[in-house]
Structure formats: structure tokens, C-alpha cells
C-alpha atoms as a PDB file:
ATOM      1  CA  MET A   1      -0.098  -0.106   0.011  1.00  0.00           C
ATOM      2  CA  ASN A   2       2.749   2.281   0.799  1.00  0.00           C
ATOM      3  CA  ILE A   3       4.392   1.724  -2.486  1.00  0.00           C
ATOM      4  CA  GLU A   4       1.351   2.287  -4.268  1.00  0.00           C
ATOM      5  CA  ARG A   5       0.942   5.485  -2.347  1.00  0.00           C
ATOM      6  CA  LYS A   6       4.519   6.614  -3.258  1.00  0.00           C
ATOM      7  CA  ARG A   7       3.867   5.746  -6.846  1.00  0.00           C
ATOM      8  CA  LYS A   8       0.685   8.139  -6.942  1.00  0.00           C
ATOM      9  CA  ILE A   9       2.530  10.793  -5.224  1.00  0.00           C
ATOM     10  CA  SER A  10       5.343  10.689  -7.652  1.00  0.00           C
ATOM     11  CA  GLY A  11       2.994  10.716 -10.322  1.00  0.00           C
ATOM     12  CA  LEU A  12       1.216  13.648  -9.095  1.00  0.00           C
ATOM     13  CA  MET A  13       4.405  15.468  -8.511  1.00  0.00           C
ATOM     14  CA  ALA A  14       5.527  14.869 -11.890  1.00  0.00           C
ATOM     15  CA  LEU A  15       2.352  15.864 -13.636  1.00  0.00           C
ATOM     16  CA  THR A  16       2.383  19.106 -11.386  1.00  0.00           C
ATOM     17  CA  PHE A  17       5.854  20.224 -12.522  1.00  0.00           C
ATOM     18  CA  SER A  18       5.419  19.249 -16.085  1.00  0.00           C
ATOM     19  CA  THR A  19       1.981  21.380 -16.090  1.00  0.00           C
ATOM     20  CA  LEU A  20       3.507  24.244 -14.561  1.00  0.00           C
ATOM     21  CA  ALA A  21       6.691  24.148 -16.928  1.00  0.00           C
ATOM     22  CA  ALA A  22       4.125  24.090 -19.829  1.00  0.00           C
ATOM     23  CA  LEU A  23       2.112  26.922 -18.575  1.00  0.00           C
ATOM     24  CA  ILE A  24       5.504  28.976 -18.068  1.00  0.00           C
ATOM     25  CA  GLY A  25       6.679  28.090 -21.533  1.00  0.00           C
ATOM     26  CA  LEU A  26       2.978  29.018 -22.917  1.00  0.00           C
ATOM     27  CA  PHE A  27       2.826  32.396 -20.812  1.00  0.00           C
ATOM     28  CA  TRP A  28       6.085  33.895 -22.660  1.00  0.00           C
ATOM     29  CA  LEU A  29       5.144  32.548 -26.033  1.00  0.00           C
ATOM     30  CA  VAL A  30       1.504  34.419 -25.883  1.00  0.00           C
ATOM     31  CA  PHE A  31       3.517  37.517 -24.326  1.00  0.00           C
ATOM     32  CA  ILE A  32       6.079  37.597 -27.267  1.00  0.00           C
ATOM     33  CA  LEU A  33       3.417  36.960 -29.937  1.00  0.00           C
ATOM     34  CA  GLY A  34       0.945  39.573 -28.011  1.00  0.00           C
ATOM     35  CA  ASP A  35       3.690  42.069 -28.090  1.00  0.00           C
ATOM     36  CA  VAL A  36       4.373  41.588 -31.560  1.00  0.00           C
ATOM     37  CA  VAL A  37       0.792  41.569 -32.767  1.00  0.00           C
ATOM     38  CA  MET A  38      -0.083  44.746 -30.574  1.00  0.00           C
ATOM     39  CA  ASN A  39       2.930  46.859 -31.854  1.00  0.00           C
ATOM     40  CA  GLY A  40       2.866  45.619 -35.388  1.00  0.00           C
ATOM     41  CA  ILE A  41      -0.551  45.929 -36.249  1.00  0.00           C
ATOM     42  CA  GLY A  42      -0.403  49.637 -35.344  1.00  0.00           C
ATOM     43  CA  ALA A  43       2.403  50.367 -37.515  1.00  0.00           C
ATOM     44  CA  LEU A  44       1.336  48.154 -40.466  1.00  0.00           C
ATOM     45  CA  LYS A  45       0.723  50.274 -43.444  1.00  0.00           C
ATOM     46  CA  LEU A  46       0.711  49.932 -47.486  1.00  0.00           C
ATOM     47  CA  SER A  47       3.676  52.426 -47.728  1.00  0.00           C
ATOM     48  CA  LEU A  48       5.846  49.873 -45.766  1.00  0.00           C
ATOM     49  CA  PHE A  49       5.294  47.453 -48.734  1.00  0.00           C
ATOM     50  CA  PHE A  50       5.515  49.846 -51.569  1.00  0.00           C
ATOM     51  CA  ASN A  51       7.881  52.652 -50.507  1.00  0.00           C
ATOM     52  CA  ASP A  52      11.747  52.141 -50.297  1.00  0.00           C
ATOM     53  CA  PRO A  53      13.554  53.597 -46.868  1.00  0.00           C
ATOM     54  CA  VAL A  54      14.195  57.396 -46.575  1.00  0.00           C
ATOM     55  CA  PRO A  55      17.009  59.050 -44.827  1.00  0.00           C
ATOM     56  CA  PRO A  56      17.488  58.549 -41.193  1.00  0.00           C
ATOM     57  CA  GLY A  57      15.220  60.637 -39.179  1.00  0.00           C
ATOM     58  CA  VAL A  58      12.938  61.792 -41.756  1.00  0.00           C
ATOM     59  CA  GLU A  59       9.301  60.314 -41.561  1.00  0.00           C
ATOM     60  CA  GLY A  60       7.687  58.053 -43.925  1.00  0.00           C
ATOM     61  CA  GLY A  61       9.213  55.312 -46.246  1.00  0.00           C
ATOM     62  CA  GLY A  62       8.949  51.869 -46.146  1.00  0.00           C
ATOM     63  CA  LEU A  63      10.967  48.735 -46.528  1.00  0.00           C
ATOM     64  CA  ARG A  64      10.094  47.573 -50.144  1.00  0.00           C
ATOM     65  CA  ASN A  65      13.688  46.784 -50.647  1.00  0.00           C
ATOM     66  CA  ALA A  66      13.957  44.304 -47.865  1.00  0.00           C
ATOM     67  CA  PHE A  67      10.671  42.682 -48.668  1.00  0.00           C
ATOM     68  CA  VAL A  68      11.857  41.924 -52.229  1.00  0.00           C
ATOM     69  CA  GLY A  69      15.329  40.849 -51.173  1.00  0.00           C
ATOM     70  CA  GLN A  70      14.241  38.791 -48.489  1.00  0.00           C
ATOM     71  CA  PHE A  71      11.885  36.849 -51.170  1.00  0.00           C
ATOM     72  CA  LEU A  72      14.720  36.606 -53.401  1.00  0.00           C
ATOM     73  CA  ILE A  73      17.171  35.081 -51.039  1.00  0.00           C
ATOM     74  CA  THR A  74      14.632  32.880 -49.656  1.00  0.00           C
ATOM     75  CA  LEU A  75      13.214  31.755 -53.232  1.00  0.00           C
ATOM     76  CA  LEU A  76      17.138  31.002 -54.309  1.00  0.00           C
ATOM     77  CA  ALA A  77      17.489  29.011 -50.899  1.00  0.00           C
ATOM     78  CA  THR A  78      14.417  26.913 -51.670  1.00  0.00           C
ATOM     79  CA  VAL A  79      15.738  26.250 -55.188  1.00  0.00           C
ATOM     80  CA  ILE A  80      19.128  25.269 -53.946  1.00  0.00           C
ATOM     81  CA  GLY A  81      18.324  23.414 -50.757  1.00  0.00           C
ATOM     82  CA  VAL A  82      14.981  21.596 -51.621  1.00  0.00           C
ATOM     83  CA  PRO A  83      16.508  19.466 -54.601  1.00  0.00           C
ATOM     84  CA  ILE A  84      19.402  18.487 -52.412  1.00  0.00           C
ATOM     85  CA  GLY A  85      17.367  17.520 -49.391  1.00  0.00           C
ATOM     86  CA  VAL A  86      14.839  15.487 -51.328  1.00  0.00           C
ATOM     87  CA  LEU A  87      17.510  13.655 -53.264  1.00  0.00           C
ATOM     88  CA  GLY A  88      19.568  13.038 -50.175  1.00  0.00           C
ATOM     89  CA  GLY A  89      16.540  11.836 -48.241  1.00  0.00           C
ATOM     90  CA  THR A  90      15.668   9.424 -51.090  1.00  0.00           C
ATOM     91  CA  TYR A  91      19.171   7.862 -51.201  1.00  0.00           C
ATOM     92  CA  LEU A  92      18.771   7.418 -47.312  1.00  0.00           C
ATOM     93  CA  ALA A  93      15.279   5.632 -47.714  1.00  0.00           C
ATOM     94  CA  GLU A  94      15.755   3.973 -50.873  1.00  0.00           C
ATOM     95  CA  TYR A  95      19.267   3.029 -51.875  1.00  0.00           C
ATOM     96  CA  GLY A  96      21.099   3.120 -48.479  1.00  0.00           C
ATOM     97  CA  ARG A  97      18.949   1.259 -46.386  1.00  0.00           C
ATOM     98  CA  GLY A  98      21.018  -0.419 -43.711  1.00  0.00           C
ATOM     99  CA  ARG A  99      24.297   1.088 -45.119  1.00  0.00           C
ATOM    100  CA  THR A 100      26.838   2.668 -42.813  1.00  0.00           C
ATOM    101  CA  LEU A 101      27.155   5.575 -44.868  1.00  0.00           C
ATOM    102  CA  SER A 102      23.500   6.124 -44.560  1.00  0.00           C
ATOM    103  CA  ARG A 103      23.659   6.013 -40.849  1.00  0.00           C
ATOM    104  CA  ILE A 104      26.573   8.404 -40.871  1.00  0.00           C
ATOM    105  CA  ILE A 105      24.519  10.831 -43.115  1.00  0.00           C
ATOM    106  CA  SER A 106      21.513  10.542 -40.832  1.00  0.00           C
ATOM    107  CA  MET A 107      23.420  11.389 -37.768  1.00  0.00           C
ATOM    108  CA  LEU A 108      25.451  14.481 -39.407  1.00  0.00           C
ATOM    109  CA  SER A 109      21.904  15.626 -40.762  1.00  0.00           C
ATOM    110  CA  ASP A 110      20.713  15.250 -37.226  1.00  0.00           C
ATOM    111  CA  ILE A 111      23.648  17.379 -35.938  1.00  0.00           C
ATOM    112  CA  MET A 112      23.188  20.138 -38.576  1.00  0.00           C
ATOM    113  CA  VAL A 113      19.922  20.658 -37.488  1.00  0.00           C
ATOM    114  CA  SER A 114      21.066  21.835 -34.164  1.00  0.00           C
ATOM    115  CA  VAL A 115      23.996  23.867 -35.485  1.00  0.00           C
ATOM    116  CA  PRO A 116      23.500  27.523 -34.486  1.00  0.00           C
ATOM    117  CA  SER A 117      22.919  29.393 -37.627  1.00  0.00           C
ATOM    118  CA  ILE A 118      25.531  31.790 -36.977  1.00  0.00           C
ATOM    119  CA  VAL A 119      28.311  29.057 -37.477  1.00  0.00           C
ATOM    120  CA  ILE A 120      26.773  28.340 -40.943  1.00  0.00           C
ATOM    121  CA  GLY A 121      26.863  31.972 -41.913  1.00  0.00           C
ATOM    122  CA  THR A 122      30.548  32.534 -40.843  1.00  0.00           C
ATOM    123  CA  PHE A 123      31.368  29.362 -42.809  1.00  0.00           C
ATOM    124  CA  VAL A 124      29.653  30.792 -45.962  1.00  0.00           C
ATOM    125  CA  TYR A 125      31.267  34.066 -45.472  1.00  0.00           C
ATOM    126  CA  ALA A 126      34.838  32.212 -45.428  1.00  0.00           C
ATOM    127  CA  ILE A 127      34.070  30.726 -48.658  1.00  0.00           C
ATOM    128  CA  LEU A 128      31.708  32.961 -50.606  1.00  0.00           C
ATOM    129  CA  VAL A 129      32.174  36.220 -49.317  1.00  0.00           C
ATOM    130  CA  LYS A 130      35.730  36.639 -48.032  1.00  0.00           C
ATOM    131  CA  PRO A 131      37.316  35.355 -51.501  1.00  0.00           C
ATOM    132  CA  VAL A 132      35.273  37.776 -53.815  1.00  0.00           C
ATOM    133  CA  GLY A 133      36.001  40.481 -51.304  1.00  0.00           C
ATOM    134  CA  HIS A 134      32.290  41.996 -50.564  1.00  0.00           C
ATOM    135  CA  PHE A 135      28.922  40.722 -49.281  1.00  0.00           C
ATOM    136  CA  ASN A 136      26.327  39.306 -52.017  1.00  0.00           C
ATOM    137  CA  GLY A 137      22.923  37.937 -51.960  1.00  0.00           C
ATOM    138  CA  TRP A 138      24.058  34.544 -53.308  1.00  0.00           C
ATOM    139  CA  ALA A 139      26.147  33.855 -50.334  1.00  0.00           C
ATOM    140  CA  GLY A 140      22.825  34.657 -48.207  1.00  0.00           C
ATOM    141  CA  ALA A 141      20.802  32.076 -50.429  1.00  0.00           C
ATOM    142  CA  VAL A 142      23.823  29.606 -49.885  1.00  0.00           C
ATOM    143  CA  ALA A 143      23.699  29.999 -46.089  1.00  0.00           C
ATOM    144  CA  LEU A 144      20.014  29.448 -45.845  1.00  0.00           C
ATOM    145  CA  ALA A 145      20.132  26.452 -48.187  1.00  0.00           C
ATOM    146  CA  ILE A 146      22.434  24.839 -45.869  1.00  0.00           C
ATOM    147  CA  ILE A 147      19.935  25.375 -43.006  1.00  0.00           C
ATOM    148  CA  MET A 148      17.383  24.064 -45.230  1.00  0.00           C
ATOM    149  CA  VAL A 149      18.882  20.827 -46.466  1.00  0.00           C
ATOM    150  CA  PRO A 150      18.908  18.635 -43.095  1.00  0.00           C
ATOM    151  CA  VAL A 151      15.366  19.415 -42.353  1.00  0.00           C
ATOM    152  CA  VAL A 152      14.135  18.364 -45.786  1.00  0.00           C
ATOM    153  CA  LEU A 153      16.533  15.492 -46.019  1.00  0.00           C
ATOM    154  CA  ARG A 154      15.192  14.045 -42.571  1.00  0.00           C
ATOM    155  CA  THR A 155      11.600  14.776 -43.605  1.00  0.00           C
ATOM    156  CA  THR A 156      12.027  13.074 -46.857  1.00  0.00           C
ATOM    157  CA  GLU A 157      13.424  10.216 -45.367  1.00  0.00           C
ATOM    158  CA  ASN A 158      10.697   9.586 -42.662  1.00  0.00           C
ATOM    159  CA  MET A 159       8.025  10.144 -45.232  1.00  0.00           C
ATOM    160  CA  LEU A 160       9.286   7.680 -47.723  1.00  0.00           C
ATOM    161  CA  SER A 161      10.067   5.133 -45.074  1.00  0.00           C
ATOM    162  CA  LEU A 162       6.205   5.390 -44.491  1.00  0.00           C
ATOM    163  CA  VAL A 163       5.386   4.173 -47.894  1.00  0.00           C
ATOM    164  CA  PRO A 164       4.879   0.355 -47.287  1.00  0.00           C
ATOM    165  CA  TRP A 165       7.652  -1.949 -49.244  1.00  0.00           C
ATOM    166  CA  THR A 166       4.678  -4.035 -50.497  1.00  0.00           C
ATOM    167  CA  VAL A 167       3.709  -1.023 -52.926  1.00  0.00           C
ATOM    168  CA  ARG A 168       7.040  -1.169 -54.369  1.00  0.00           C
ATOM    169  CA  GLU A 169       7.119  -4.732 -54.884  1.00  0.00           C
ATOM    170  CA  ALA A 170       3.576  -4.373 -56.562  1.00  0.00           C
ATOM    171  CA  ALA A 171       5.375  -2.117 -59.080  1.00  0.00           C
ATOM    172  CA  PHE A 172       8.419  -4.270 -59.344  1.00  0.00           C
ATOM    173  CA  ALA A 173       5.955  -7.010 -60.363  1.00  0.00           C
ATOM    174  CA  LEU A 174       4.726  -5.111 -63.354  1.00  0.00           C
ATOM    175  CA  GLY A 175       8.220  -4.754 -64.657  1.00  0.00           C
ATOM    176  CA  ALA A 176       8.960  -0.922 -63.631  1.00  0.00           C
ATOM    177  CA  PRO A 177      12.568   0.006 -62.927  1.00  0.00           C
ATOM    178  CA  TYR A 178      13.366   1.271 -59.463  1.00  0.00           C
ATOM    179  CA  TYR A 179      13.733   4.764 -60.668  1.00  0.00           C
ATOM    180  CA  LYS A 180      10.378   4.910 -61.860  1.00  0.00           C
ATOM    181  CA  VAL A 181       8.810   3.094 -58.893  1.00  0.00           C
ATOM    182  CA  ILE A 182      10.396   5.953 -56.777  1.00  0.00           C
ATOM    183  CA  ILE A 183       9.196   8.841 -59.024  1.00  0.00           C
ATOM    184  CA  GLN A 184       5.877   7.452 -60.029  1.00  0.00           C
ATOM    185  CA  VAL A 185       4.608   5.505 -56.936  1.00  0.00           C
ATOM    186  CA  VAL A 186       6.991   6.285 -53.705  1.00  0.00           C
ATOM    187  CA  TYR A 187       7.068   9.972 -54.338  1.00  0.00           C
ATOM    188  CA  ARG A 188       3.095  10.235 -54.906  1.00  0.00           C
ATOM    189  CA  GLY A 189       2.195   8.403 -51.672  1.00  0.00           C
ATOM    190  CA  ALA A 190       4.672  10.617 -49.483  1.00  0.00           C
ATOM    191  CA  ALA A 191       4.101  13.899 -51.504  1.00  0.00           C
ATOM    192  CA  THR A 192       2.230  15.472 -49.040  1.00  0.00           C
ATOM    193  CA  GLY A 193       4.459  14.970 -46.439  1.00  0.00           C
ATOM    194  CA  ILE A 194       7.770  15.766 -48.278  1.00  0.00           C
ATOM    195  CA  LEU A 195       5.734  19.172 -48.996  1.00  0.00           C
ATOM    196  CA  THR A 196       4.984  19.493 -45.397  1.00  0.00           C
ATOM    197  CA  GLY A 197       8.878  19.424 -44.615  1.00  0.00           C
ATOM    198  CA  ILE A 198       9.601  22.062 -47.382  1.00  0.00           C
ATOM    199  CA  LEU A 199       7.004  24.309 -45.919  1.00  0.00           C
ATOM    200  CA  LEU A 200       8.529  23.839 -42.445  1.00  0.00           C
ATOM    201  CA  SER A 201      12.019  24.323 -43.859  1.00  0.00           C
ATOM    202  CA  ILE A 202      10.903  27.695 -45.581  1.00  0.00           C
ATOM    203  CA  ALA A 203       9.404  28.925 -42.136  1.00  0.00           C
ATOM    204  CA  ARG A 204      12.669  27.890 -40.501  1.00  0.00           C
ATOM    205  CA  VAL A 205      14.931  30.033 -42.580  1.00  0.00           C
ATOM    206  CA  THR A 206      12.638  32.816 -43.003  1.00  0.00           C
ATOM    207  CA  GLY A 207      13.330  34.326 -39.726  1.00  0.00           C
ATOM    208  CA  GLU A 208      17.080  33.827 -39.716  1.00  0.00           C
ATOM    209  CA  THR A 209      19.070  37.056 -39.168  1.00  0.00           C
ATOM    210  CA  ALA A 210      22.936  35.764 -38.101  1.00  0.00           C
ATOM    211  CA  PRO A 211      23.499  34.190 -41.199  1.00  0.00           C
ATOM    212  CA  LEU A 212      22.454  36.985 -43.650  1.00  0.00           C
ATOM    213  CA  LEU A 213      24.652  39.431 -41.461  1.00  0.00           C
ATOM    214  CA  PHE A 214      27.857  37.475 -42.599  1.00  0.00           C
ATOM    215  CA  THR A 215      26.716  37.269 -46.228  1.00  0.00           C
ATOM    216  CA  SER A 216      24.282  39.408 -47.961  1.00  0.00           C
ATOM    217  CA  PHE A 217      24.636  41.895 -45.104  1.00  0.00           C
ATOM    218  CA  ASN A 218      22.386  44.751 -46.023  1.00  0.00           C
ATOM    219  CA  ASN A 219      21.569  47.328 -48.354  1.00  0.00           C
ATOM    220  CA  ALA A 220      19.820  50.859 -48.062  1.00  0.00           C
ATOM    221  CA  TYR A 221      18.580  51.030 -51.703  1.00  0.00           C
ATOM    222  CA  PHE A 222      16.258  48.686 -53.955  1.00  0.00           C
ATOM    223  CA  THR A 223      18.495  46.253 -55.785  1.00  0.00           C
ATOM    224  CA  VAL A 224      17.598  42.619 -57.134  1.00  0.00           C
ATOM    225  CA  ASN A 225      21.480  41.993 -58.228  1.00  0.00           C
ATOM    226  CA  MET A 226      22.251  39.070 -56.075  1.00  0.00           C
ATOM    227  CA  LYS A 227      26.028  39.628 -56.948  1.00  0.00           C
ATOM    228  CA  GLU A 228      26.149  42.501 -54.391  1.00  0.00           C
ATOM    229  CA  PRO A 229      24.843  43.339 -50.988  1.00  0.00           C
ATOM    230  CA  ILE A 230      21.105  42.968 -50.756  1.00  0.00           C
ATOM    231  CA  SER A 231      18.611  43.902 -48.108  1.00  0.00           C
ATOM    232  CA  SER A 232      16.507  41.544 -45.925  1.00  0.00           C
ATOM    233  CA  LEU A 233      13.741  41.919 -43.834  1.00  0.00           C
ATOM    234  CA  THR A 234      15.446  40.259 -40.739  1.00  0.00           C
ATOM    235  CA  VAL A 235      18.490  42.107 -41.129  1.00  0.00           C
ATOM    236  CA  SER A 236      16.523  45.552 -41.513  1.00  0.00           C
ATOM    237  CA  ILE A 237      14.516  44.471 -38.477  1.00  0.00           C
ATOM    238  CA  PHE A 238      17.679  44.236 -36.477  1.00  0.00           C
ATOM    239  CA  GLN A 239      19.162  47.581 -37.673  1.00  0.00           C
ATOM    240  CA  TYR A 240      15.908  49.444 -37.153  1.00  0.00           C
ATOM    241  CA  ALA A 241      15.296  48.006 -33.741  1.00  0.00           C
ATOM    242  CA  MET A 242      18.749  49.080 -32.891  1.00  0.00           C
ATOM    243  CA  GLY A 243      18.363  52.646 -34.269  1.00  0.00           C
ATOM    244  CA  PRO A 244      17.398  55.699 -32.284  1.00  0.00           C
ATOM    245  CA  TYR A 245      14.649  56.646 -34.513  1.00  0.00           C
ATOM    246  CA  ASP A 246      10.807  56.070 -33.413  1.00  0.00           C
ATOM    247  CA  ILE A 247       9.820  55.512 -37.123  1.00  0.00           C
ATOM    248  CA  TRP A 248      12.599  52.778 -37.399  1.00  0.00           C
ATOM    249  CA  HIS A 249      11.192  50.976 -34.406  1.00  0.00           C
ATOM    250  CA  ALA A 250       7.555  51.216 -35.808  1.00  0.00           C
ATOM    251  CA  GLN A 251       8.680  49.596 -39.157  1.00  0.00           C
ATOM    252  CA  ALA A 252      10.634  47.000 -37.447  1.00  0.00           C
ATOM    253  CA  TRP A 253       7.392  46.148 -35.296  1.00  0.00           C
ATOM    254  CA  ALA A 254       5.535  45.980 -38.569  1.00  0.00           C
ATOM    255  CA  ALA A 255       8.106  44.165 -40.333  1.00  0.00           C
ATOM    256  CA  ALA A 256       8.417  41.456 -37.336  1.00  0.00           C
ATOM    257  CA  PHE A 257       4.530  41.178 -37.587  1.00  0.00           C
ATOM    258  CA  VAL A 258       4.622  40.221 -41.067  1.00  0.00           C
ATOM    259  CA  ILE A 259       7.359  37.673 -40.610  1.00  0.00           C
ATOM    260  CA  THR A 260       5.518  36.185 -37.658  1.00  0.00           C
ATOM    261  CA  MET A 261       2.225  35.747 -39.687  1.00  0.00           C
ATOM    262  CA  PHE A 262       4.019  34.246 -42.632  1.00  0.00           C
ATOM    263  CA  ILE A 263       5.797  31.656 -40.397  1.00  0.00           C
ATOM    264  CA  LEU A 264       2.623  31.126 -38.555  1.00  0.00           C
ATOM    265  CA  VAL A 265       0.621  30.649 -41.945  1.00  0.00           C
ATOM    266  CA  LEU A 266       3.208  28.076 -43.229  1.00  0.00           C
ATOM    267  CA  THR A 267       3.650  26.038 -40.036  1.00  0.00           C
ATOM    268  CA  ILE A 268      -0.125  25.610 -39.724  1.00  0.00           C
ATOM    269  CA  SER A 269      -0.347  24.888 -43.665  1.00  0.00           C
ATOM    270  CA  GLY A 270       2.206  21.899 -42.950  1.00  0.00           C
ATOM    271  CA  ARG A 271       0.574  20.640 -39.968  1.00  0.00           C
ATOM    272  CA  LEU A 272      -2.696  20.548 -41.731  1.00  0.00           C
ATOM    273  CA  LEU A 273      -1.482  18.874 -44.830  1.00  0.00           C
ATOM    274  CA  LEU A 274       0.263  16.436 -42.484  1.00  0.00           C
ATOM    275  CA  ARG A 275      -2.788  15.678 -40.551  1.00  0.00           C
ATOM    276  CA  TRP A 276      -5.100  15.332 -43.642  1.00  0.00           C
ATOM    277  CA  ARG A 277      -2.746  12.942 -45.478  1.00  0.00           C
ATOM    278  CA  TYR A 278      -1.508  10.817 -42.252  1.00  0.00           C
ATOM    279  CA  LYS A 279      -4.329  11.323 -39.931  1.00  0.00           C
ATOM    280  CA  GLN A 280      -1.936  12.339 -37.182  1.00  0.00           C
END
């Protein structure tokens, strides 16, 4: 009886502390999101999207250059990182099952997911910025792509592994070669899960600032030339938040609100797709 009572007390204590920790974390999450929403909505204006920055201390202006630059960098990072991640995940799930190399790649990709983004930024700075002598948008896109690859790779591997092997065997029985089985059968079965991983990886890199500080840096003027420094929304938020002008602070809050809503929409879309397809 004493042992059973001790187990109940221990279980109750564990439940209490776990619930308390969850509530503390939820409180700060709601506090931060609420702060961003309250300050961001009030500063949100159409000029933020359609006007370029004005000289420091002058009222008005916007962040058109930063929105366009962020879009270009993220788009190119997606074009670079997604194919590498999908192909890498395909190798792990289809061709490298049970091989030592596959286990090593999986372990390294798990490590890469946890590597601080500033480390990736300094690495890309050393290989793509320092040799050419100036910051550039391509370096920023490569840095974000490196962050995206392990996320897409692991998601692709897991989703392809969920497709039953009997489905592949049925395609083999019809005489289909392995590459066609993967493209026409396995990919179709795992398409929703892979797309979810891609959306989550885009959400992961959209809010990154540190890698871009070392690669694309920033640009006070509108440009779409990826061979030179190019502005980005996250770096602009960082610089404006550190500035002495109230108009900068307001625009930083508005930009932070836009990024937060974008990431929220992508994350919810990914979860809904995953739940719809796999009933999870």
C-alpha cells in the first residue's frame, strides 16, 4: 500500500511540475506573440510594402527593398536546398537502407539541424564572401539553403519510409525499374509529407538573421542584383530596432509582425497537410 501511495504521489508531482513548465513556456510564447501583434498591427501601413527607405530621421518611407530582397534570398535558397534535401532523403530511404554511410549521413543531418545558424553564416562567409571581397545575395541564399537541407532530408527520409514496401514490390512485379517506382509510386504516396517538410524548412529560414549578417549583409537601396549586398527583412528589423528613431522602431515592429504571420501560416499549413494525409 505504501509503495502504491508513493507511486501516486510521484506521478502527481511529475504531472504538476510538467504542467507548470508547460504553462510557463506558453505564457512567454503568448506574451511575445501578443507584443508583436499589438505593436505590429498599429504600425502596419501600405507604404511599408511599396516605398523604399528614406534618410535617417525623416518620416515616412517603407521597406520595399527588404521585402523584395528577403523574397529573392529565400526563393533561391529553396531552389538550392530543396532538391538536395529531397535527393539526399531519397538515397537514405531507398538506396542506402542498412548501410553505414546512410547512418553517418543521418547522424550528421541531425547534428546540422541543431548547429547554430551563425556558425553556418561564418562558414559561408569564409568560402563565398571573403574570396570575392564583398557581401552578396548569393552567399545569403547558400547559407539559408544549408540550413534547409537537413530539415528537408530528414523529412523526406521519414515520409518515404512510411510508404509500405509491398507497394514497391507491386510496381516491381509489373516490370517497372526502380527509378520509376520511386518517381511515380513512392513520391506520390509521400508527396504531402515531403511538401510539409519543405514548408517547415522555409518557415525555419525565413526568420534567420545571423547568417545574413555575414553573407548578404544589407543594402539601403532597392536592388535585385544578387552579386552585390542585398537587403533582407530580418537584418533590417535588427538594424531598425537598434536605431535611435521612433519611425524605425515602428517599421521594425510591422516587419516583425509580417514575418511572424508568414511563419505561422506556413507552419499551420504544414500541420494541416500532415494531419489530412496521415491522420496524425
